[in-house]
């Protein structure tokens, strides 16, 4: 697990293929396609990728603004998910899996309509 003490997100606005975040006092590139989900953790966010977990000081709004909107959707006030990594939707939960890991991400009432609209358009 990588922790962070300062906030910074940069995205390559030309291709938006990666995010640059500050973790462990250094800038770490993360491939956008490898992100499974992002979870709010007080003033921080946890970025769960296919290979690692990163913690950085950032708001969920800043994170959403840094990600390609056609690839990511907010399902809950505490979660952003990569649409391409969704395995299925059961009731008010999105199920995701990567290798031997299973994740069940809630879909909040306030986000359900936008989530369904974006999922049907994808």
PDB file of N, CA and C in Angstrom:
ATOM      1  N   UNK A   1       0.849  -1.172   0.000  1.00  0.00           N
ATOM      2  CA  UNK A   1       0.000   0.000   0.000  1.00  0.00           C
ATOM      3  C   UNK A   1       0.894   1.234   0.000  1.00  0.00           C
ATOM      4  N   UNK A   2       0.543   2.173  -0.822  1.00  0.00           N
ATOM      5  CA  UNK A   2       1.295   3.413  -0.907  1.00  0.00           C
ATOM      6  C   UNK A   2       0.499   4.531  -0.257  1.00  0.00           C
ATOM      7  N   UNK A   3       1.123   5.284   0.623  1.00  0.00           N
ATOM      8  CA  UNK A   3       0.440   6.403   1.266  1.00  0.00           C
ATOM      9  C   UNK A   3       0.999   7.707   0.757  1.00  0.00           C
ATOM     10  N   UNK A   4       0.270   8.757   1.014  1.00  0.00           N
ATOM     11  CA  UNK A   4       0.627  10.065   0.478  1.00  0.00           C
ATOM     12  C   UNK A   4       0.461  11.108   1.559  1.00  0.00           C
ATOM     13  N   UNK A   5       1.283  12.135   1.502  1.00  0.00           N
ATOM     14  CA  UNK A   5       1.141  13.201   2.478  1.00  0.00           C
ATOM     15  C   UNK A   5       0.706  14.510   1.849  1.00  0.00           C
ATOM     16  N   UNK A   6       0.787  14.633   0.542  1.00  0.00           N
ATOM     17  CA  UNK A   6       0.360  15.856  -0.123  1.00  0.00           C
ATOM     18  C   UNK A   6      -0.503  15.523  -1.324  1.00  0.00           C
ATOM     19  N   UNK A   7      -1.333  16.476  -1.712  1.00  0.00           N
ATOM     20  CA  UNK A   7      -2.267  16.237  -2.808  1.00  0.00           C
ATOM     21  C   UNK A   7      -1.724  16.738  -4.124  1.00  0.00           C
ATOM     22  N   UNK A   8      -1.975  15.988  -5.159  1.00  0.00           N
ATOM     23  CA  UNK A   8      -1.704  16.446  -6.506  1.00  0.00           C
ATOM     24  C   UNK A   8      -2.195  15.400  -7.484  1.00  0.00           C
ATOM     25  N   UNK A   9      -2.997  15.843  -8.408  1.00  0.00           N
ATOM     26  CA  UNK A   9      -3.414  14.975  -9.494  1.00  0.00           C
ATOM     27  C   UNK A   9      -3.175  15.735 -10.767  1.00  0.00           C
ATOM     28  N   UNK A  10      -2.573  15.088 -11.699  1.00  0.00           N
ATOM     29  CA  UNK A  10      -2.427  15.652 -13.028  1.00  0.00           C
ATOM     30  C   UNK A  10      -2.840  14.582 -14.004  1.00  0.00           C
ATOM     31  N   UNK A  11      -3.492  14.989 -15.046  1.00  0.00           N
ATOM     32  CA  UNK A  11      -3.784  14.019 -16.091  1.00  0.00           C
ATOM     33  C   UNK A  11      -3.233  14.554 -17.393  1.00  0.00           C
ATOM     34  N   UNK A  12      -2.831  13.652 -18.227  1.00  0.00           N
ATOM     35  CA  UNK A  12      -2.354  14.017 -19.551  1.00  0.00           C
ATOM     36  C   UNK A  12      -3.592  14.370 -20.362  1.00  0.00           C
ATOM     37  N   UNK A  13      -3.838  15.642 -20.590  1.00  0.00           N
ATOM     38  CA  UNK A  13      -5.078  16.076 -21.228  1.00  0.00           C
ATOM     39  C   UNK A  13      -5.148  15.677 -22.694  1.00  0.00           C
ATOM     40  N   UNK A  14      -4.027  15.375 -23.319  1.00  0.00           N
ATOM     41  CA  UNK A  14      -4.045  14.957 -24.715  1.00  0.00           C
ATOM     42  C   UNK A  14      -4.597  13.545 -24.865  1.00  0.00           C
ATOM     43  N   UNK A  15      -4.084  12.609 -24.103  1.00  0.00           N
ATOM     44  CA  UNK A  15      -4.525  11.232 -24.265  1.00  0.00           C
ATOM     45  C   UNK A  15      -5.300  10.717 -23.064  1.00  0.00           C
ATOM     46  N   UNK A  16      -5.104  11.331 -21.907  1.00  0.00           N
ATOM     47  CA  UNK A  16      -5.772  10.916 -20.670  1.00  0.00           C
ATOM     48  C   UNK A  16      -5.583   9.434 -20.420  1.00  0.00           C
ATOM     49  N   UNK A  17      -4.415   8.943 -20.740  1.00  0.00           N
ATOM     50  CA  UNK A  17      -4.115   7.535 -20.534  1.00  0.00           C
ATOM     51  C   UNK A  17      -3.557   7.241 -19.151  1.00  0.00           C
ATOM     52  N   UNK A  18      -3.081   8.275 -18.466  1.00  0.00           N
ATOM     53  CA  UNK A  18      -2.540   8.042 -17.137  1.00  0.00           C
ATOM     54  C   UNK A  18      -2.776   9.242 -16.235  1.00  0.00           C
ATOM     55  N   UNK A  19      -2.764   8.949 -14.946  1.00  0.00           N
ATOM     56  CA  UNK A  19      -2.834   9.969 -13.905  1.00  0.00           C
ATOM     57  C   UNK A  19      -1.475  10.035 -13.240  1.00  0.00           C
ATOM     58  N   UNK A  20      -1.110  11.204 -12.814  1.00  0.00           N
ATOM     59  CA  UNK A  20       0.089  11.354 -12.005  1.00  0.00           C
ATOM     60  C   UNK A  20      -0.373  11.773 -10.622  1.00  0.00           C
ATOM     61  N   UNK A  21      -0.061  10.978  -9.621  1.00  0.00           N
ATOM     62  CA  UNK A  21      -0.452  11.308  -8.253  1.00  0.00           C
ATOM     63  C   UNK A  21       0.789  11.362  -7.383  1.00  0.00           C
ATOM     64  N   UNK A  22       0.684  12.078  -6.279  1.00  0.00           N
ATOM     65  CA  UNK A  22       1.766  12.086  -5.305  1.00  0.00           C
ATOM     66  C   UNK A  22       1.505  10.982  -4.301  1.00  0.00           C
ATOM     67  N   UNK A  23       2.461  10.088  -4.183  1.00  0.00           N
ATOM     68  CA  UNK A  23       2.395   9.006  -3.206  1.00  0.00           C
ATOM     69  C   UNK A  23       3.799   8.761  -2.687  1.00  0.00           C
ATOM     70  N   UNK A  24       3.943   8.622  -1.398  1.00  0.00           N
ATOM     71  CA  UNK A  24       5.250   8.408  -0.775  1.00  0.00           C
ATOM     72  C   UNK A  24       6.260   9.474  -1.169  1.00  0.00           C
ATOM     73  N   UNK A  25       5.821  10.720  -1.185  1.00  0.00           N
ATOM     74  CA  UNK A  25       6.681  11.866  -1.480  1.00  0.00           C
ATOM     75  C   UNK A  25       7.280  11.831  -2.889  1.00  0.00           C
ATOM     76  N   UNK A  26       6.623  11.129  -3.791  1.00  0.00           N
ATOM     77  CA  UNK A  26       7.061  11.104  -5.179  1.00  0.00           C
ATOM     78  C   UNK A  26       5.847  11.083  -6.092  1.00  0.00           C
ATOM     79  N   UNK A  27       6.060  11.440  -7.341  1.00  0.00           N
ATOM     80  CA  UNK A  27       4.986  11.418  -8.321  1.00  0.00           C
ATOM     81  C   UNK A  27       4.949  10.026  -8.945  1.00  0.00           C
ATOM     82  N   UNK A  28       3.765   9.417  -8.904  1.00  0.00           N
ATOM     83  CA  UNK A  28       3.591   8.060  -9.404  1.00  0.00           C
ATOM     84  C   UNK A  28       2.605   8.084 -10.566  1.00  0.00           C
ATOM     85  N   UNK A  29       2.996   7.535 -11.731  1.00  0.00           N
ATOM     86  CA  UNK A  29       2.034   7.444 -12.840  1.00  0.00           C
ATOM     87  C   UNK A  29       1.149   6.200 -12.665  1.00  0.00           C
ATOM     88  N   UNK A  30      -0.137   6.379 -12.922  1.00  0.00           N
ATOM     89  CA  UNK A  30      -1.084   5.269 -12.874  1.00  0.00           C
ATOM     90  C   UNK A  30      -1.797   5.222 -14.218  1.00  0.00           C
ATOM     91  N   UNK A  31      -1.785   4.063 -14.859  1.00  0.00           N
ATOM     92  CA  UNK A  31      -2.520   3.913 -16.109  1.00  0.00           C
ATOM     93  C   UNK A  31      -4.017   3.921 -15.810  1.00  0.00           C
ATOM     94  N   UNK A  32      -4.743   4.777 -16.486  1.00  0.00           N
ATOM     95  CA  UNK A  32      -6.179   4.930 -16.254  1.00  0.00           C
ATOM     96  C   UNK A  32      -6.908   3.610 -16.502  1.00  0.00           C
ATOM     97  N   UNK A  33      -6.520   2.880 -17.519  1.00  0.00           N
ATOM     98  CA  UNK A  33      -7.207   1.617 -17.844  1.00  0.00           C
ATOM     99  C   UNK A  33      -7.032   0.562 -16.758  1.00  0.00           C
ATOM    100  N   UNK A  34      -6.016   0.726 -15.872  1.00  0.00           N
ATOM    101  CA  UNK A  34      -5.776  -0.232 -14.802  1.00  0.00           C
ATOM    102  C   UNK A  34      -6.558   0.071 -13.527  1.00  0.00           C
ATOM    103  N   UNK A  35      -7.214   1.223 -13.466  1.00  0.00           N
ATOM    104  CA  UNK A  35      -7.972   1.585 -12.269  1.00  0.00           C
ATOM    105  C   UNK A  35      -9.263   0.772 -12.214  1.00  0.00           C
ATOM    106  N   UNK A  36      -9.492   0.092 -11.096  1.00  0.00           N
ATOM    107  CA  UNK A  36     -10.738  -0.625 -10.873  1.00  0.00           C
ATOM    108  C   UNK A  36     -11.778   0.325 -10.288  1.00  0.00           C
ATOM    109  N   UNK A  37     -11.423   0.933  -9.152  1.00  0.00           N
ATOM    110  CA  UNK A  37     -12.331   1.880  -8.518  1.00  0.00           C
ATOM    111  C   UNK A  37     -11.542   2.844  -7.647  1.00  0.00           C
ATOM    112  N   UNK A  38     -12.230   3.893  -7.234  1.00  0.00           N
ATOM    113  CA  UNK A  38     -11.664   4.904  -6.353  1.00  0.00           C
ATOM    114  C   UNK A  38     -12.635   5.064  -5.190  1.00  0.00           C
ATOM    115  N   UNK A  39     -12.098   5.051  -3.996  1.00  0.00           N
ATOM    116  CA  UNK A  39     -12.935   5.129  -2.798  1.00  0.00           C
ATOM    117  C   UNK A  39     -12.517   6.322  -1.950  1.00  0.00           C
ATOM    118  N   UNK A  40     -13.507   7.079  -1.488  1.00  0.00           N
ATOM    119  CA  UNK A  40     -13.233   8.217  -0.602  1.00  0.00           C
ATOM    120  C   UNK A  40     -12.851   7.699   0.782  1.00  0.00           C
ATOM    121  N   UNK A  41     -11.873   8.375   1.378  1.00  0.00           N
ATOM    122  CA  UNK A  41     -11.411   8.022   2.709  1.00  0.00           C
ATOM    123  C   UNK A  41     -11.097   9.323   3.429  1.00  0.00           C
ATOM    124  N   UNK A  42     -12.128   9.928   4.032  1.00  0.00           N
ATOM    125  CA  UNK A  42     -11.999  11.223   4.677  1.00  0.00           C
ATOM    126  C   UNK A  42     -11.489  12.260   3.677  1.00  0.00           C
ATOM    127  N   UNK A  43     -10.321  12.849   3.898  1.00  0.00           N
ATOM    128  CA  UNK A  43      -9.768  13.841   2.965  1.00  0.00           C
ATOM    129  C   UNK A  43      -8.918  13.199   1.875  1.00  0.00           C
ATOM    130  N   UNK A  44      -8.822  11.894   1.891  1.00  0.00           N
ATOM    131  CA  UNK A  44      -7.998  11.155   0.937  1.00  0.00           C
ATOM    132  C   UNK A  44      -8.878  10.325   0.009  1.00  0.00           C
ATOM    133  N   UNK A  45      -8.265   9.786  -1.026  1.00  0.00           N
ATOM    134  CA  UNK A  45      -8.924   8.781  -1.847  1.00  0.00           C
ATOM    135  C   UNK A  45      -8.000   7.584  -1.968  1.00  0.00           C
ATOM    136  N   UNK A  46      -8.601   6.414  -2.057  1.00  0.00           N
ATOM    137  CA  UNK A  46      -7.873   5.183  -2.318  1.00  0.00           C
ATOM    138  C   UNK A  46      -8.097   4.847  -3.781  1.00  0.00           C
ATOM    139  N   UNK A  47      -7.033   4.687  -4.526  1.00  0.00           N
ATOM    140  CA  UNK A  47      -7.130   4.305  -5.931  1.00  0.00           C
ATOM    141  C   UNK A  47      -6.726   2.839  -6.009  1.00  0.00           C
ATOM    142  N   UNK A  48      -7.681   1.970  -6.307  1.00  0.00           N
ATOM    143  CA  UNK A  48      -7.413   0.534  -6.408  1.00  0.00           C
ATOM    144  C   UNK A  48      -7.222   0.206  -7.882  1.00  0.00           C
ATOM    145  N   UNK A  49      -6.027  -0.293  -8.205  1.00  0.00           N
ATOM    146  CA  UNK A  49      -5.724  -0.690  -9.577  1.00  0.00           C
ATOM    147  C   UNK A  49      -5.642  -2.208  -9.647  1.00  0.00           C
ATOM    148  N   UNK A  50      -5.377  -2.711 -10.832  1.00  0.00           N
ATOM    149  CA  UNK A  50      -5.261  -4.154 -11.013  1.00  0.00           C
ATOM    150  C   UNK A  50      -4.024  -4.718 -10.321  1.00  0.00           C
ATOM    151  N   UNK A  51      -3.067  -3.859  -9.992  1.00  0.00           N
ATOM    152  CA  UNK A  51      -1.822  -4.348  -9.405  1.00  0.00           C
ATOM    153  C   UNK A  51      -1.491  -3.760  -8.037  1.00  0.00           C
ATOM    154  N   UNK A  52      -2.110  -2.648  -7.659  1.00  0.00           N
ATOM    155  CA  UNK A  52      -1.713  -1.987  -6.412  1.00  0.00           C
ATOM    156  C   UNK A  52      -2.840  -1.132  -5.866  1.00  0.00           C
ATOM    157  N   UNK A  53      -2.567  -0.550  -4.693  1.00  0.00           N
ATOM    158  CA  UNK A  53      -3.498   0.381  -4.063  1.00  0.00           C
ATOM    159  C   UNK A  53      -2.699   1.617  -3.682  1.00  0.00           C
ATOM    160  N   UNK A  54      -3.233   2.795  -4.014  1.00  0.00           N
ATOM    161  CA  UNK A  54      -2.554   4.051  -3.721  1.00  0.00           C
ATOM    162  C   UNK A  54      -3.483   4.925  -2.899  1.00  0.00           C
ATOM    163  N   UNK A  55      -2.924   5.679  -1.970  1.00  0.00           N
ATOM    164  CA  UNK A  55      -3.693   6.634  -1.176  1.00  0.00           C
ATOM    165  C   UNK A  55      -3.109   8.006  -1.449  1.00  0.00           C
ATOM    166  N   UNK A  56      -3.985   8.944  -1.793  1.00  0.00           N
ATOM    167  CA  UNK A  56      -3.529  10.299  -2.072  1.00  0.00           C
ATOM    168  C   UNK A  56      -4.524  11.306  -1.514  1.00  0.00           C
ATOM    169  N   UNK A  57      -4.042  12.464  -1.166  1.00  0.00           N
ATOM    170  CA  UNK A  57      -4.874  13.537  -0.636  1.00  0.00           C
ATOM    171  C   UNK A  57      -5.566  14.226  -1.800  1.00  0.00           C
ATOM    172  N   UNK A  58      -6.884  14.086  -1.878  1.00  0.00           N
ATOM    173  CA  UNK A  58      -7.635  14.583  -3.029  1.00  0.00           C
ATOM    174  C   UNK A  58      -9.130  14.473  -2.732  1.00  0.00           C
ATOM    175  N   UNK A  59      -9.935  15.302  -3.388  1.00  0.00           N
ATOM    176  CA  UNK A  59     -11.384  15.170  -3.253  1.00  0.00           C
ATOM    177  C   UNK A  59     -11.919  14.276  -4.370  1.00  0.00           C
ATOM    178  N   UNK A  60     -13.096  13.757  -4.172  1.00  0.00           N
ATOM    179  CA  UNK A  60     -13.726  12.930  -5.211  1.00  0.00           C
ATOM    180  C   UNK A  60     -14.025  13.783  -6.445  1.00  0.00           C
ATOM    181  N   UNK A  61     -14.398  15.038  -6.253  1.00  0.00           N
ATOM    182  CA  UNK A  61     -14.668  15.914  -7.393  1.00  0.00           C
ATOM    183  C   UNK A  61     -13.408  16.135  -8.213  1.00  0.00           C
ATOM    184  N   UNK A  62     -12.296  16.401  -7.553  1.00  0.00           N
ATOM    185  CA  UNK A  62     -11.027  16.568  -8.276  1.00  0.00           C
ATOM    186  C   UNK A  62     -10.672  15.305  -9.043  1.00  0.00           C
ATOM    187  N   UNK A  63     -10.932  14.174  -8.426  1.00  0.00           N
ATOM    188  CA  UNK A  63     -10.629  12.901  -9.085  1.00  0.00           C
ATOM    189  C   UNK A  63     -11.512  12.717 -10.316  1.00  0.00           C
ATOM    190  N   UNK A  64     -12.822  12.965 -10.179  1.00  0.00           N
ATOM    191  CA  UNK A  64     -13.732  12.821 -11.328  1.00  0.00           C
ATOM    192  C   UNK A  64     -13.328  13.761 -12.452  1.00  0.00           C
ATOM    193  N   UNK A  65     -12.912  14.972 -12.116  1.00  0.00           N
ATOM    194  CA  UNK A  65     -12.506  15.936 -13.133  1.00  0.00           C
ATOM    195  C   UNK A  65     -11.226  15.509 -13.857  1.00  0.00           C
ATOM    196  N   UNK A  66     -10.424  14.661 -13.233  1.00  0.00           N
ATOM    197  CA  UNK A  66      -9.165  14.210 -13.823  1.00  0.00           C
ATOM    198  C   UNK A  66      -9.310  12.956 -14.677  1.00  0.00           C
ATOM    199  N   UNK A  67     -10.444  12.295 -14.569  1.00  0.00           N
ATOM    200  CA  UNK A  67     -10.652  11.024 -15.278  1.00  0.00           C
ATOM    201  C   UNK A  67     -11.485  11.220 -16.537  1.00  0.00           C
ATOM    202  N   UNK A  68     -11.288  10.369 -17.551  1.00  0.00           N
ATOM    203  CA  UNK A  68     -12.131  10.448 -18.750  1.00  0.00           C
ATOM    204  C   UNK A  68     -13.584  10.091 -18.389  1.00  0.00           C
ATOM    205  N   UNK A  69     -14.507  10.998 -18.663  1.00  0.00           N
ATOM    206  CA  UNK A  69     -15.898  10.795 -18.234  1.00  0.00           C
ATOM    207  C   UNK A  69     -16.582   9.642 -18.954  1.00  0.00           C
ATOM    208  N   UNK A  70     -16.077   9.238 -20.105  1.00  0.00           N
ATOM    209  CA  UNK A  70     -16.675   8.104 -20.812  1.00  0.00           C
ATOM    210  C   UNK A  70     -16.241   6.763 -20.214  1.00  0.00           C
ATOM    211  N   UNK A  71     -15.234   6.773 -19.333  1.00  0.00           N
ATOM    212  CA  UNK A  71     -14.727   5.532 -18.736  1.00  0.00           C
ATOM    213  C   UNK A  71     -15.108   5.344 -17.280  1.00  0.00           C
ATOM    214  N   UNK A  72     -15.429   6.436 -16.591  1.00  0.00           N
ATOM    215  CA  UNK A  72     -15.664   6.362 -15.146  1.00  0.00           C
ATOM    216  C   UNK A  72     -17.001   6.970 -14.771  1.00  0.00           C
ATOM    217  N   UNK A  73     -17.618   6.381 -13.757  1.00  0.00           N
ATOM    218  CA  UNK A  73     -18.898   6.874 -13.273  1.00  0.00           C
ATOM    219  C   UNK A  73     -18.889   6.838 -11.742  1.00  0.00           C
ATOM    220  N   UNK A  74     -19.528   7.814 -11.180  1.00  0.00           N
ATOM    221  CA  UNK A  74     -19.679   7.853  -9.725  1.00  0.00           C
ATOM    222  C   UNK A  74     -20.926   7.057  -9.372  1.00  0.00           C
ATOM    223  N   UNK A  75     -20.772   6.040  -8.539  1.00  0.00           N
ATOM    224  CA  UNK A  75     -21.905   5.206  -8.168  1.00  0.00           C
ATOM    225  C   UNK A  75     -22.427   5.527  -6.779  1.00  0.00           C
ATOM    226  N   UNK A  76     -21.645   6.267  -6.026  1.00  0.00           N
ATOM    227  CA  UNK A  76     -21.946   6.519  -4.624  1.00  0.00           C
ATOM    228  C   UNK A  76     -21.124   7.733  -4.221  1.00  0.00           C
ATOM    229  N   UNK A  77     -21.500   8.389  -3.154  1.00  0.00           N
ATOM    230  CA  UNK A  77     -20.706   9.557  -2.766  1.00  0.00           C
ATOM    231  C   UNK A  77     -19.273   9.174  -2.404  1.00  0.00           C
ATOM    232  N   UNK A  78     -19.049   7.898  -2.127  1.00  0.00           N
ATOM    233  CA  UNK A  78     -17.716   7.427  -1.761  1.00  0.00           C
ATOM    234  C   UNK A  78     -17.025   6.577  -2.818  1.00  0.00           C
ATOM    235  N   UNK A  79     -17.663   6.369  -3.987  1.00  0.00           N
ATOM    236  CA  UNK A  79     -17.068   5.476  -4.978  1.00  0.00           C
ATOM    237  C   UNK A  79     -17.167   6.002  -6.404  1.00  0.00           C
ATOM    238  N   UNK A  80     -16.090   5.800  -7.155  1.00  0.00           N
ATOM    239  CA  UNK A  80     -16.034   6.010  -8.597  1.00  0.00           C
ATOM    240  C   UNK A  80     -15.558   4.678  -9.174  1.00  0.00           C
ATOM    241  N   UNK A  81     -16.225   4.177 -10.224  1.00  0.00           N
ATOM    242  CA  UNK A  81     -15.823   2.898 -10.808  1.00  0.00           C
ATOM    243  C   UNK A  81     -15.470   3.046 -12.281  1.00  0.00           C
ATOM    244  N   UNK A  82     -14.607   2.162 -12.736  1.00  0.00           N
ATOM    245  CA  UNK A  82     -14.235   2.069 -14.138  1.00  0.00           C
ATOM    246  C   UNK A  82     -15.303   1.217 -14.827  1.00  0.00           C
ATOM    247  N   UNK A  83     -16.016   1.782 -15.764  1.00  0.00           N
ATOM    248  CA  UNK A  83     -17.117   1.089 -16.442  1.00  0.00           C
ATOM    249  C   UNK A  83     -16.647  -0.200 -17.104  1.00  0.00           C
ATOM    250  N   UNK A  84     -15.448  -0.180 -17.669  1.00  0.00           N
ATOM    251  CA  UNK A  84     -14.916  -1.354 -18.363  1.00  0.00           C
ATOM    252  C   UNK A  84     -14.630  -2.524 -17.427  1.00  0.00           C
ATOM    253  N   UNK A  85     -14.521  -2.276 -16.139  1.00  0.00           N
ATOM    254  CA  UNK A  85     -14.183  -3.329 -15.176  1.00  0.00           C
ATOM    255  C   UNK A  85     -15.418  -3.907 -14.467  1.00  0.00           C
ATOM    256  N   UNK A  86     -16.610  -3.401 -14.788  1.00  0.00           N
ATOM    257  CA  UNK A  86     -17.833  -3.892 -14.154  1.00  0.00           C
ATOM    258  C   UNK A  86     -18.156  -5.283 -14.693  1.00  0.00           C
ATOM    259  N   UNK A  87     -18.330  -6.248 -13.787  1.00  0.00           N
ATOM    260  CA  UNK A  87     -18.702  -7.611 -14.184  1.00  0.00           C
ATOM    261  C   UNK A  87     -20.218  -7.717 -14.328  1.00  0.00           C
ATOM    262  N   UNK A  88     -20.959  -7.234 -13.325  1.00  0.00           N
ATOM    263  CA  UNK A  88     -22.413  -7.203 -13.411  1.00  0.00           C
ATOM    264  C   UNK A  88     -22.977  -6.264 -12.370  1.00  0.00           C
ATOM    265  N   UNK A  89     -24.266  -5.994 -12.506  1.00  0.00           N
ATOM    266  CA  UNK A  89     -24.971  -5.118 -11.570  1.00  0.00           C
ATOM    267  C   UNK A  89     -26.081  -5.947 -10.940  1.00  0.00           C
ATOM    268  N   UNK A  90     -26.089  -6.010  -9.618  1.00  0.00           N
ATOM    269  CA  UNK A  90     -27.117  -6.753  -8.886  1.00  0.00           C
ATOM    270  C   UNK A  90     -27.778  -5.812  -7.905  1.00  0.00           C
ATOM    271  N   UNK A  91     -29.016  -5.457  -8.205  1.00  0.00           N
ATOM    272  CA  UNK A  91     -29.748  -4.553  -7.321  1.00  0.00           C
ATOM    273  C   UNK A  91     -29.044  -3.221  -7.199  1.00  0.00           C
ATOM    274  N   UNK A  92     -28.639  -2.892  -5.999  1.00  0.00           N
ATOM    275  CA  UNK A  92     -27.974  -1.618  -5.731  1.00  0.00           C
ATOM    276  C   UNK A  92     -26.469  -1.779  -5.555  1.00  0.00           C
ATOM    277  N   UNK A  93     -25.895  -2.782  -6.218  1.00  0.00           N
ATOM    278  CA  UNK A  93     -24.460  -3.021  -6.127  1.00  0.00           C
ATOM    279  C   UNK A  93     -23.860  -3.320  -7.497  1.00  0.00           C
ATOM    280  N   UNK A  94     -22.652  -2.844  -7.689  1.00  0.00           N
ATOM    281  CA  UNK A  94     -21.854  -3.156  -8.870  1.00  0.00           C
ATOM    282  C   UNK A  94     -20.856  -4.206  -8.423  1.00  0.00           C
ATOM    283  N   UNK A  95     -20.758  -5.289  -9.175  1.00  0.00           N
ATOM    284  CA  UNK A  95     -19.784  -6.320  -8.838  1.00  0.00           C
ATOM    285  C   UNK A  95     -18.611  -6.234  -9.794  1.00  0.00           C
ATOM    286  N   UNK A  96     -17.433  -6.262  -9.207  1.00  0.00           N
ATOM    287  CA  UNK A  96     -16.195  -6.177  -9.974  1.00  0.00           C
ATOM    288  C   UNK A  96     -15.284  -7.291  -9.498  1.00  0.00           C
ATOM    289  N   UNK A  97     -14.433  -7.779 -10.386  1.00  0.00           N
ATOM    290  CA  UNK A  97     -13.441  -8.764  -9.970  1.00  0.00           C
ATOM    291  C   UNK A  97     -12.172  -8.562 -10.770  1.00  0.00           C
ATOM    292  N   UNK A  98     -11.086  -8.895 -10.138  1.00  0.00           N
ATOM    293  CA  UNK A  98      -9.775  -8.829 -10.776  1.00  0.00           C
ATOM    294  C   UNK A  98      -8.942  -9.950 -10.186  1.00  0.00           C
ATOM    295  N   UNK A  99      -8.538 -10.874 -11.020  1.00  0.00           N
ATOM    296  CA  UNK A  99      -7.796 -12.048 -10.576  1.00  0.00           C
ATOM    297  C   UNK A  99      -8.625 -12.775  -9.528  1.00  0.00           C
ATOM    298  N   UNK A 100      -8.130 -12.931  -8.315  1.00  0.00           N
ATOM    299  CA  UNK A 100      -8.878 -13.640  -7.277  1.00  0.00           C
ATOM    300  C   UNK A 100      -9.583 -12.699  -6.296  1.00  0.00           C
ATOM    301  N   UNK A 101      -9.672 -11.412  -6.646  1.00  0.00           N
ATOM    302  CA  UNK A 101     -10.321 -10.434  -5.776  1.00  0.00           C
ATOM    303  C   UNK A 101     -11.736 -10.136  -6.268  1.00  0.00           C
ATOM    304  N   UNK A 102     -12.681 -10.049  -5.349  1.00  0.00           N
ATOM    305  CA  UNK A 102     -14.064  -9.701  -5.654  1.00  0.00           C
ATOM    306  C   UNK A 102     -14.410  -8.419  -4.899  1.00  0.00           C
ATOM    307  N   UNK A 103     -15.105  -7.520  -5.580  1.00  0.00           N
ATOM    308  CA  UNK A 103     -15.509  -6.258  -4.958  1.00  0.00           C
ATOM    309  C   UNK A 103     -16.985  -6.021  -5.227  1.00  0.00           C
ATOM    310  N   UNK A 104     -17.677  -5.555  -4.208  1.00  0.00           N
ATOM    311  CA  UNK A 104     -19.081  -5.191  -4.338  1.00  0.00           C
ATOM    312  C   UNK A 104     -19.189  -3.711  -3.974  1.00  0.00           C
ATOM    313  N   UNK A 105     -19.486  -2.874  -4.980  1.00  0.00           N
ATOM    314  CA  UNK A 105     -19.505  -1.421  -4.806  1.00  0.00           C
ATOM    315  C   UNK A 105     -20.958  -0.958  -4.762  1.00  0.00           C
ATOM    316  N   UNK A 106     -21.347  -0.182  -3.744  1.00  0.00           N
ATOM    317  CA  UNK A 106     -22.747   0.270  -3.660  1.00  0.00           C
ATOM    318  C   UNK A 106     -23.087   1.317  -4.721  1.00  0.00           C
ATOM    319  N   UNK A 107     -24.358   1.323  -5.096  1.00  0.00           N
ATOM    320  CA  UNK A 107     -24.903   2.364  -5.979  1.00  0.00           C
ATOM    321  C   UNK A 107     -25.861   3.182  -5.119  1.00  0.00           C
ATOM    322  N   UNK A 108     -25.509   4.424  -4.876  1.00  0.00           N
ATOM    323  CA  UNK A 108     -26.343   5.293  -4.052  1.00  0.00           C
ATOM    324  C   UNK A 108     -27.574   5.773  -4.804  1.00  0.00           C
ATOM    325  N   UNK A 109     -28.637   6.048  -4.082  1.00  0.00           N
ATOM    326  CA  UNK A 109     -29.888   6.514  -4.711  1.00  0.00           C
ATOM    327  C   UNK A 109     -29.676   7.765  -5.545  1.00  0.00           C
ATOM    328  N   UNK A 110     -28.851   8.679  -5.060  1.00  0.00           N
ATOM    329  CA  UNK A 110     -28.621   9.945  -5.775  1.00  0.00           C
ATOM    330  C   UNK A 110     -27.868   9.738  -7.091  1.00  0.00           C
ATOM    331  N   UNK A 111     -27.176   8.613  -7.231  1.00  0.00           N
ATOM    332  CA  UNK A 111     -26.353   8.363  -8.420  1.00  0.00           C
ATOM    333  C   UNK A 111     -26.947   7.306  -9.346  1.00  0.00           C
ATOM    334  N   UNK A 112     -28.022   6.640  -8.916  1.00  0.00           N
ATOM    335  CA  UNK A 112     -28.562   5.508  -9.655  1.00  0.00           C
ATOM    336  C   UNK A 112     -29.017   5.883 -11.068  1.00  0.00           C
ATOM    337  N   UNK A 113     -29.726   6.992 -11.214  1.00  0.00           N
ATOM    338  CA  UNK A 113     -30.242   7.386 -12.529  1.00  0.00           C
ATOM    339  C   UNK A 113     -29.104   7.662 -13.511  1.00  0.00           C
ATOM    340  N   UNK A 114     -28.123   8.469 -13.101  1.00  0.00           N
ATOM    341  CA  UNK A 114     -26.985   8.774 -13.975  1.00  0.00           C
ATOM    342  C   UNK A 114     -26.176   7.522 -14.285  1.00  0.00           C
ATOM    343  N   UNK A 115     -26.045   6.646 -13.298  1.00  0.00           N
ATOM    344  CA  UNK A 115     -25.311   5.397 -13.503  1.00  0.00           C
ATOM    345  C   UNK A 115     -25.995   4.540 -14.564  1.00  0.00           C
ATOM    346  N   UNK A 116     -27.288   4.356 -14.437  1.00  0.00           N
ATOM    347  CA  UNK A 116     -28.043   3.532 -15.405  1.00  0.00           C
ATOM    348  C   UNK A 116     -27.974   4.141 -16.800  1.00  0.00           C
ATOM    349  N   UNK A 117     -28.091   5.454 -16.900  1.00  0.00           N
ATOM    350  CA  UNK A 117     -28.025   6.141 -18.194  1.00  0.00           C
ATOM    351  C   UNK A 117     -26.667   5.920 -18.838  1.00  0.00           C
ATOM    352  N   UNK A 118     -25.605   6.107 -18.087  1.00  0.00           N
ATOM    353  CA  UNK A 118     -24.258   5.937 -18.639  1.00  0.00           C
ATOM    354  C   UNK A 118     -23.990   4.483 -18.989  1.00  0.00           C
ATOM    355  N   UNK A 119     -24.470   3.553 -18.166  1.00  0.00           N
ATOM    356  CA  UNK A 119     -24.254   2.132 -18.428  1.00  0.00           C
ATOM    357  C   UNK A 119     -24.977   1.702 -19.699  1.00  0.00           C
ATOM    358  N   UNK A 120     -26.170   2.220 -19.927  1.00  0.00           N
ATOM    359  CA  UNK A 120     -26.924   1.875 -21.149  1.00  0.00           C
ATOM    360  C   UNK A 120     -26.293   2.483 -22.391  1.00  0.00           C
ATOM    361  N   UNK A 121     -25.609   3.619 -22.239  1.00  0.00           N
ATOM    362  CA  UNK A 121     -24.962   4.271 -23.380  1.00  0.00           C
ATOM    363  C   UNK A 121     -23.644   3.590 -23.734  1.00  0.00           C
ATOM    364  N   UNK A 122     -23.053   2.874 -22.775  1.00  0.00           N
ATOM    365  CA  UNK A 122     -21.744   2.241 -23.012  1.00  0.00           C
ATOM    366  C   UNK A 122     -21.872   0.963 -23.812  1.00  0.00           C
TER     367      UNK A 122
END
